[in-house]
Amino acid sequence: MLKASDVPLLESYDLTMFDLDGVVYVSGRAIDGVAERLQRVRDAGVHLAFVTNNASRTPEKVAANLTRLGVTAAAADVVTSAQAAASVIKERFGPNASVLLLGGPGLEAALAAERICVTDEPNEAAAIVSGYGPDVLWKDIMRAATLIRDGLPYVASNTDLTIPTDYGLAPGHGVLVRTLSDFAGVEPIVAGKPARPLMDETIRRVGGDRPLMVGDRLDTDIEGAHAVDVDSLLVMTGVTHLAELVAAGPGLRPTYIAPDLEGLFEPHPVPEQNGSGAHLRGWQATVTQGVLDVQGEGNAGDWWRVVAVASWAALDATGTVVDATALQPPVMGDQGERR
């Protein structure tokens, strides 16, 4: 269940790890107010990191794009799944390892930074490493699949099945990983969220003893936070909507919920469970014969909190996801009140 914070959330943490797409920007455009809120995090003296599963871009390019959107960012603030994959290879196969590469410039640069040699000779390679790369050739995929099947270790930067593009949601690197894994009958070593290495790499590079993961995806950001046993804040500005939230099992549940990043600067009360539902300040959520209903008025963040607590309690008790299709989530006003 959710965790309470009697003080503004940011006061309890010294490192904030932000996912990008759905948290900082959507469809290439900065979310309203995000630049100012991220600056407030910096001004509070809290370490700030941008954490991305995208292995195709270098940290320098990610930082430049954030700067273009009005967000203060340097390459040192960015940690990618490519960097995590390079660290995994160095740790498992030694600092002088050579690898076969299926991927783009971001992964190649991360390997070079760790002085890992990219070779085209299978008999010289300690492993195959892959990351998103739109120019990867099918003949290279076929060769990699055969080598993995024959025993060459396989490291994948991430397993994201989709990637946002200008023309809509498209197949992501996870589709390639699944193809290689299914053909070879081998599970890869995964570096990106929700696997542990990317979170560990971020904490190592950026610093901080009390980290908070801030994300919009349950199956990467929030599950990844669980993997390293750190707290998480789910913001409702990205891909997680009402249906996904009410269906979340224990390993996908965030520590805190907020409509947007303003939740970093607010206390987080926890709803009180009562009978077949939960209530918090002006909101009452009730589950009747498997159907979730919410009545009242007040803060939009509190609405999401009563929905989460009531629906998760019902799911845990019955094993059945509540029906929330009739609910309309609140629209944020200037002061966070439902309008």
Protein backbone atom coordinates (compact mmCIF):
# COMPACT_ATOMS: atom_id res chain seq x y z
CA MET A 1 0.00 0.00 0.00
CA LEU A 2 0.96 3.64 -0.21
CA LYS A 3 3.39 5.28 2.19
CA ALA A 4 2.65 8.50 4.06
CA SER A 5 4.80 11.60 4.04
CA ASP A 6 3.85 14.34 6.51
CA VAL A 7 6.38 16.74 4.97
CA PRO A 8 6.88 17.76 1.33
CA LEU A 9 8.11 14.59 -0.36
CA LEU A 10 11.41 15.99 -1.60
CA GLU A 11 12.58 16.68 1.96
CA SER A 12 12.97 12.94 2.59
CA TYR A 13 15.30 12.16 -0.35
CA ASP A 14 18.72 13.28 -1.58
CA LEU A 15 18.56 11.76 -5.09
CA THR A 16 15.69 11.97 -7.54
CA MET A 17 15.87 9.69 -10.59
CA PHE A 18 13.56 10.85 -13.36
CA ASP A 19 12.34 8.81 -16.28
CA LEU A 20 12.08 10.97 -19.40
CA ASP A 21 9.21 10.14 -21.77
CA GLY A 22 5.93 10.63 -19.90
CA VAL A 23 7.59 12.42 -16.96
CA VAL A 24 9.66 15.24 -18.48
CA TYR A 25 8.19 15.30 -21.97
CA VAL A 26 5.48 13.70 -24.08
CA SER A 27 5.74 13.35 -27.88
CA GLY A 28 8.88 15.50 -27.85
CA ARG A 29 7.28 18.42 -25.99
CA ALA A 30 8.05 19.37 -22.40
CA ILE A 31 5.20 18.78 -19.97
CA ASP A 32 3.76 22.06 -18.67
CA GLY A 33 5.72 23.38 -15.70
CA VAL A 34 8.35 20.63 -15.76
CA ALA A 35 11.39 22.88 -16.27
CA GLU A 36 10.49 25.06 -13.31
CA ARG A 37 9.81 22.04 -11.08
CA LEU A 38 13.09 20.36 -11.96
CA GLN A 39 14.92 23.59 -11.20
CA ARG A 40 13.25 23.64 -7.79
CA VAL A 41 14.68 20.16 -7.19
CA ARG A 42 18.18 21.44 -8.01
CA ASP A 43 17.69 24.54 -5.88
CA ALA A 44 16.80 22.28 -2.94
CA GLY A 45 20.27 20.73 -3.18
CA VAL A 46 18.93 17.30 -4.18
CA HIS A 47 20.92 15.22 -6.67
CA LEU A 48 19.03 14.90 -9.95
CA ALA A 49 19.40 12.21 -12.60
CA PHE A 50 17.63 11.52 -15.88
CA VAL A 51 17.36 7.76 -16.33
CA THR A 52 16.48 6.29 -19.71
CA ASN A 53 16.20 2.82 -21.20
CA ASN A 54 16.92 4.29 -24.63
CA ALA A 55 20.35 2.99 -25.60
CA SER A 56 20.57 4.65 -29.01
CA ARG A 57 21.48 8.18 -27.87
CA THR A 58 24.54 9.31 -25.98
CA PRO A 59 24.14 11.22 -22.69
CA GLU A 60 25.40 14.32 -24.51
CA LYS A 61 22.57 14.10 -27.04
CA VAL A 62 19.97 13.45 -24.35
CA ALA A 63 21.19 16.46 -22.36
CA ALA A 64 21.18 18.65 -25.46
CA ASN A 65 17.58 17.68 -26.20
CA LEU A 66 16.54 18.45 -22.63
CA THR A 67 18.27 21.83 -22.85
CA ARG A 68 16.37 22.55 -26.07
CA LEU A 69 13.15 21.88 -24.15
CA GLY A 70 14.14 24.41 -21.48
CA VAL A 71 15.31 21.85 -18.91
CA THR A 72 18.73 22.42 -17.36
CA ALA A 73 20.77 19.29 -18.00
CA ALA A 74 24.35 18.16 -18.50
CA ALA A 75 25.65 14.87 -19.82
CA ALA A 76 26.67 13.88 -16.28
CA ASP A 77 23.01 14.08 -15.24
CA VAL A 78 21.99 11.42 -17.78
CA VAL A 79 22.34 7.67 -17.22
CA THR A 80 21.34 5.29 -20.01
CA SER A 81 20.77 1.57 -20.30
CA ALA A 82 23.75 1.53 -22.68
CA GLN A 83 26.02 2.71 -19.85
CA ALA A 84 24.51 0.11 -17.53
CA ALA A 85 25.07 -2.61 -20.16
CA ALA A 86 28.71 -1.57 -20.55
CA SER A 87 29.19 -1.79 -16.78
CA VAL A 88 27.58 -5.24 -16.73
CA ILE A 89 30.00 -6.45 -19.42
CA LYS A 90 33.01 -4.98 -17.61
CA GLU A 91 31.96 -6.57 -14.31
CA ARG A 92 31.11 -10.00 -15.72
CA PHE A 93 33.70 -10.42 -18.46
CA GLY A 94 36.57 -8.21 -17.35
CA PRO A 95 37.80 -4.69 -18.21
CA ASN A 96 39.50 -5.83 -21.41
CA ALA A 97 36.60 -7.82 -22.81
CA SER A 98 35.66 -7.73 -26.49
CA VAL A 99 32.05 -7.93 -27.66
CA LEU A 100 29.94 -8.24 -30.76
CA LEU A 101 27.63 -5.22 -31.07
CA LEU A 102 24.04 -4.98 -32.28
CA GLY A 103 23.05 -1.37 -31.71
CA GLY A 104 23.51 2.32 -32.37
CA PRO A 105 25.91 5.15 -31.48
CA GLY A 106 24.75 5.40 -27.86
CA LEU A 107 25.69 1.83 -27.07
CA GLU A 108 28.94 2.02 -29.04
CA ALA A 109 29.97 5.18 -27.14
CA ALA A 110 29.12 3.61 -23.77
CA LEU A 111 31.29 0.59 -24.55
CA ALA A 112 34.16 2.81 -25.67
CA ALA A 113 33.91 4.84 -22.44
CA GLU A 114 34.50 1.62 -20.48
CA ARG A 115 37.31 0.65 -22.89
CA ILE A 116 35.41 -2.40 -24.07
CA CYS A 117 36.49 -3.39 -27.55
CA VAL A 118 33.92 -4.00 -30.30
CA THR A 119 34.98 -6.83 -32.57
CA ASP A 120 33.50 -8.45 -35.64
CA GLU A 121 35.17 -11.79 -34.91
CA PRO A 122 32.99 -14.24 -32.91
CA ASN A 123 36.00 -16.17 -31.63
CA GLU A 124 37.32 -12.97 -29.99
CA ALA A 125 34.04 -12.01 -28.33
CA ALA A 126 33.20 -12.66 -24.70
CA ALA A 127 29.55 -11.75 -25.33
CA ILE A 128 27.01 -10.16 -27.64
CA VAL A 129 25.43 -6.88 -26.52
CA SER A 130 22.39 -5.30 -28.14
CA GLY A 131 20.53 -2.00 -27.93
CA TYR A 132 18.04 -0.09 -30.01
CA GLY A 133 19.53 0.75 -33.41
CA PRO A 134 17.32 1.47 -36.43
CA ASP A 135 20.15 0.63 -38.82
CA VAL A 136 20.89 -2.86 -37.47
CA LEU A 137 20.87 -5.31 -40.39
CA TRP A 138 18.91 -8.54 -40.51
CA LYS A 139 22.00 -10.52 -41.52
CA ASP A 140 23.70 -9.37 -38.31
CA ILE A 141 20.64 -10.35 -36.27
CA MET A 142 20.68 -13.83 -37.82
CA ARG A 143 24.34 -14.29 -37.02
CA ALA A 144 23.85 -13.09 -33.44
CA ALA A 145 20.91 -15.44 -32.92
CA THR A 146 22.96 -18.39 -34.06
CA LEU A 147 25.93 -17.47 -31.86
CA ILE A 148 23.71 -17.01 -28.81
CA ARG A 149 22.06 -20.37 -29.46
CA ASP A 150 25.52 -21.91 -29.64
CA GLY A 151 26.50 -20.53 -26.22
CA LEU A 152 27.82 -16.96 -26.57
CA PRO A 153 26.54 -14.92 -23.58
CA TYR A 154 23.97 -12.25 -24.42
CA VAL A 155 23.57 -8.83 -22.73
CA ALA A 156 20.54 -6.69 -23.66
CA SER A 157 20.39 -2.99 -22.86
CA ASN A 158 16.64 -3.20 -22.20
CA THR A 159 13.52 -5.17 -23.07
CA ASP A 160 11.07 -2.33 -23.89
CA LEU A 161 8.59 -3.73 -26.40
CA THR A 162 7.52 -0.31 -27.70
CA ILE A 163 9.16 3.00 -28.54
CA PRO A 164 7.40 6.34 -29.17
CA THR A 165 7.98 7.86 -32.60
CA ASP A 166 6.64 10.79 -34.63
CA TYR A 167 4.32 8.34 -36.41
CA GLY A 168 3.03 6.61 -33.28
CA LEU A 169 4.03 3.76 -30.99
CA ALA A 170 6.46 1.42 -32.78
CA PRO A 171 8.24 -1.86 -31.97
CA GLY A 172 11.06 -1.29 -29.51
CA HIS A 173 14.31 -3.07 -28.78
CA GLY A 174 12.45 -5.62 -26.68
CA VAL A 175 10.99 -7.10 -29.86
CA LEU A 176 14.52 -7.86 -31.08
CA VAL A 177 15.47 -9.26 -27.66
CA ARG A 178 12.44 -11.53 -27.69
CA THR A 179 13.28 -12.72 -31.21
CA LEU A 180 16.85 -13.59 -30.26
CA SER A 181 15.82 -15.15 -26.95
CA ASP A 182 13.03 -17.25 -28.45
CA PHE A 183 15.23 -18.52 -31.26
CA ALA A 184 18.20 -19.33 -29.04
CA GLY A 185 16.23 -20.57 -26.04
CA VAL A 186 18.32 -18.29 -23.82
CA GLU A 187 17.33 -15.50 -21.43
CA PRO A 188 19.58 -12.45 -21.77
CA ILE A 189 21.32 -10.51 -19.03
CA VAL A 190 19.26 -7.30 -18.98
CA ALA A 191 20.73 -3.94 -17.96
CA GLY A 192 17.78 -1.53 -18.25
CA LYS A 193 14.65 -1.02 -16.17
CA PRO A 194 13.06 -2.95 -14.57
CA ALA A 195 16.27 -4.95 -14.10
CA ARG A 196 18.62 -3.77 -11.39
CA PRO A 197 21.82 -2.63 -13.22
CA LEU A 198 20.52 0.72 -14.54
CA MET A 199 19.28 1.79 -11.11
CA ASP A 200 22.55 0.75 -9.49
CA GLU A 201 24.52 2.57 -12.20
CA THR A 202 22.53 5.76 -11.63
CA ILE A 203 23.11 5.76 -7.88
CA ARG A 204 26.81 5.04 -8.42
CA ARG A 205 27.30 7.80 -10.98
CA VAL A 206 25.13 10.57 -9.51
CA GLY A 207 25.36 9.86 -5.79
CA GLY A 208 22.87 9.90 -2.95
CA ASP A 209 21.94 7.74 0.01
CA ARG A 210 18.14 8.18 -0.10
CA PRO A 211 17.02 7.76 -3.73
CA LEU A 212 13.52 8.26 -5.13
CA MET A 213 12.52 6.94 -8.56
CA VAL A 214 10.04 9.16 -10.42
CA GLY A 215 8.28 7.53 -13.36
CA ASP A 216 5.12 7.03 -15.36
CA ARG A 217 5.40 3.31 -16.19
CA LEU A 218 4.54 0.57 -13.73
CA ASP A 219 6.41 -2.21 -15.54
CA THR A 220 9.73 -0.35 -15.89
CA ASP A 221 10.03 2.62 -13.52
CA ILE A 222 8.05 1.31 -10.56
CA GLU A 223 9.05 -2.34 -10.92
CA GLY A 224 12.64 -1.16 -11.31
CA ALA A 225 12.42 0.75 -8.04
CA HIS A 226 11.21 -2.44 -6.35
CA ALA A 227 14.22 -4.30 -7.81
CA VAL A 228 16.64 -2.10 -5.87
CA ASP A 229 14.33 -1.57 -2.89
CA VAL A 230 13.97 2.21 -3.27
CA ASP A 231 10.85 4.35 -2.98
CA SER A 232 9.01 5.53 -6.07
CA LEU A 233 6.65 8.28 -7.17
CA LEU A 234 4.20 7.50 -9.97
CA VAL A 235 3.08 10.55 -11.95
CA MET A 236 -0.05 10.33 -14.09
CA THR A 237 1.33 12.31 -17.04
CA GLY A 238 2.42 9.36 -19.16
CA VAL A 239 1.37 5.86 -20.14
CA THR A 240 -0.17 4.66 -16.86
CA HIS A 241 -3.87 5.35 -16.70
CA LEU A 242 -6.74 4.29 -14.46
CA ALA A 243 -7.05 0.77 -15.88
CA GLU A 244 -3.36 -0.01 -15.36
CA LEU A 245 -3.29 1.47 -11.86
CA VAL A 246 -6.23 -0.51 -10.45
CA ALA A 247 -4.80 -3.75 -11.91
CA ALA A 248 -1.31 -3.33 -10.42
CA GLY A 249 -0.05 -6.22 -8.34
CA PRO A 250 2.25 -5.72 -5.35
CA GLY A 251 5.47 -5.62 -7.40
CA LEU A 252 4.11 -2.85 -9.63
CA ARG A 253 2.71 -0.55 -6.94
CA PRO A 254 4.38 2.82 -6.30
CA THR A 255 5.23 4.23 -2.90
CA TYR A 256 3.51 7.52 -3.75
CA ILE A 257 1.13 8.81 -6.45
CA ALA A 258 0.70 12.34 -7.79
CA PRO A 259 -0.94 13.83 -10.88
CA ASP A 260 2.37 15.47 -11.90
CA LEU A 261 5.77 16.55 -10.57
CA GLU A 262 4.19 19.06 -8.22
CA GLY A 263 3.75 16.02 -6.00
CA LEU A 264 7.45 16.29 -5.11
CA PHE A 265 6.75 19.46 -3.16
CA GLU A 266 3.66 18.31 -1.28
CA PRO A 267 2.95 16.04 1.70
CA HIS A 268 1.41 12.67 0.84
CA PRO A 269 -1.39 11.58 3.15
CA VAL A 270 -2.52 7.96 2.97
CA PRO A 271 -6.23 7.08 2.69
CA GLU A 272 -7.88 5.27 5.56
CA GLN A 273 -9.50 1.98 4.64
CA ASN A 274 -13.11 1.60 5.74
CA GLY A 275 -15.19 -1.46 4.94
CA SER A 276 -15.15 -2.03 1.20
CA GLY A 277 -13.30 1.15 0.31
CA ALA A 278 -11.09 4.01 1.41
CA HIS A 279 -11.47 7.68 2.21
CA LEU A 280 -9.16 10.68 2.32
CA ARG A 281 -10.22 14.21 3.09
CA GLY A 282 -13.02 14.96 0.60
CA TRP A 283 -12.99 11.66 -1.30
CA GLN A 284 -14.64 8.29 -0.63
CA ALA A 285 -13.86 5.27 -2.85
CA THR A 286 -16.12 2.21 -2.55
CA VAL A 287 -16.03 -1.21 -4.19
CA THR A 288 -19.46 -2.81 -4.56
CA GLN A 289 -19.77 -6.18 -6.30
CA GLY A 290 -16.46 -5.59 -8.01
CA VAL A 291 -17.29 -2.10 -9.27
CA LEU A 292 -15.27 0.90 -8.06
CA ASP A 293 -17.05 4.19 -7.39
CA VAL A 294 -15.62 7.47 -6.09
CA GLN A 295 -17.65 10.29 -4.61
CA GLY A 296 -16.71 13.69 -3.20
CA GLU A 297 -14.47 16.56 -4.15
CA GLY A 298 -11.05 17.93 -3.37
CA ASN A 299 -7.42 17.46 -4.32
CA ALA A 300 -6.73 15.50 -7.51
CA GLY A 301 -3.82 13.67 -5.92
CA ASP A 302 -6.08 12.48 -3.13
CA TRP A 303 -8.52 11.12 -5.75
CA TRP A 304 -5.80 8.93 -7.24
CA ARG A 305 -4.73 7.79 -3.77
CA VAL A 306 -8.19 6.62 -2.68
CA VAL A 307 -8.64 4.86 -6.02
CA ALA A 308 -5.34 3.02 -5.59
CA VAL A 309 -5.89 1.95 -1.99
CA ALA A 310 -9.49 0.81 -2.50
CA SER A 311 -8.81 -1.08 -5.73
CA TRP A 312 -5.62 -2.76 -4.49
CA ALA A 313 -7.31 -3.89 -1.29
CA ALA A 314 -10.10 -5.45 -3.33
CA LEU A 315 -7.62 -7.09 -5.72
CA ASP A 316 -5.63 -8.57 -2.84
CA ALA A 317 -8.77 -9.84 -1.12
CA THR A 318 -10.53 -11.33 -4.15
CA GLY A 319 -7.88 -11.83 -6.81
CA THR A 320 -10.08 -9.88 -9.22
CA VAL A 321 -9.38 -6.46 -10.73
CA VAL A 322 -12.12 -3.95 -9.97
CA ASP A 323 -14.23 -2.46 -12.75
CA ALA A 324 -13.34 1.23 -12.94
CA THR A 325 -14.59 1.93 -16.46
CA ALA A 326 -17.34 4.28 -15.32
CA LEU A 327 -14.94 6.58 -13.46
CA GLN A 328 -13.66 9.84 -14.89
CA PRO A 329 -10.31 10.94 -13.42
CA PRO A 330 -10.22 14.53 -12.16
CA VAL A 331 -8.86 17.36 -14.24
CA MET A 332 -6.22 19.44 -12.52
CA GLY A 333 -6.99 23.08 -11.76
CA ASP A 334 -4.50 25.73 -10.69
CA GLN A 335 -4.55 24.55 -7.07
CA GLY A 336 -4.87 20.84 -7.73
CA GLU A 337 -8.62 20.84 -7.09
CA ARG A 338 -11.04 18.87 -9.21
CA ARG A 339 -12.90 20.96 -11.76
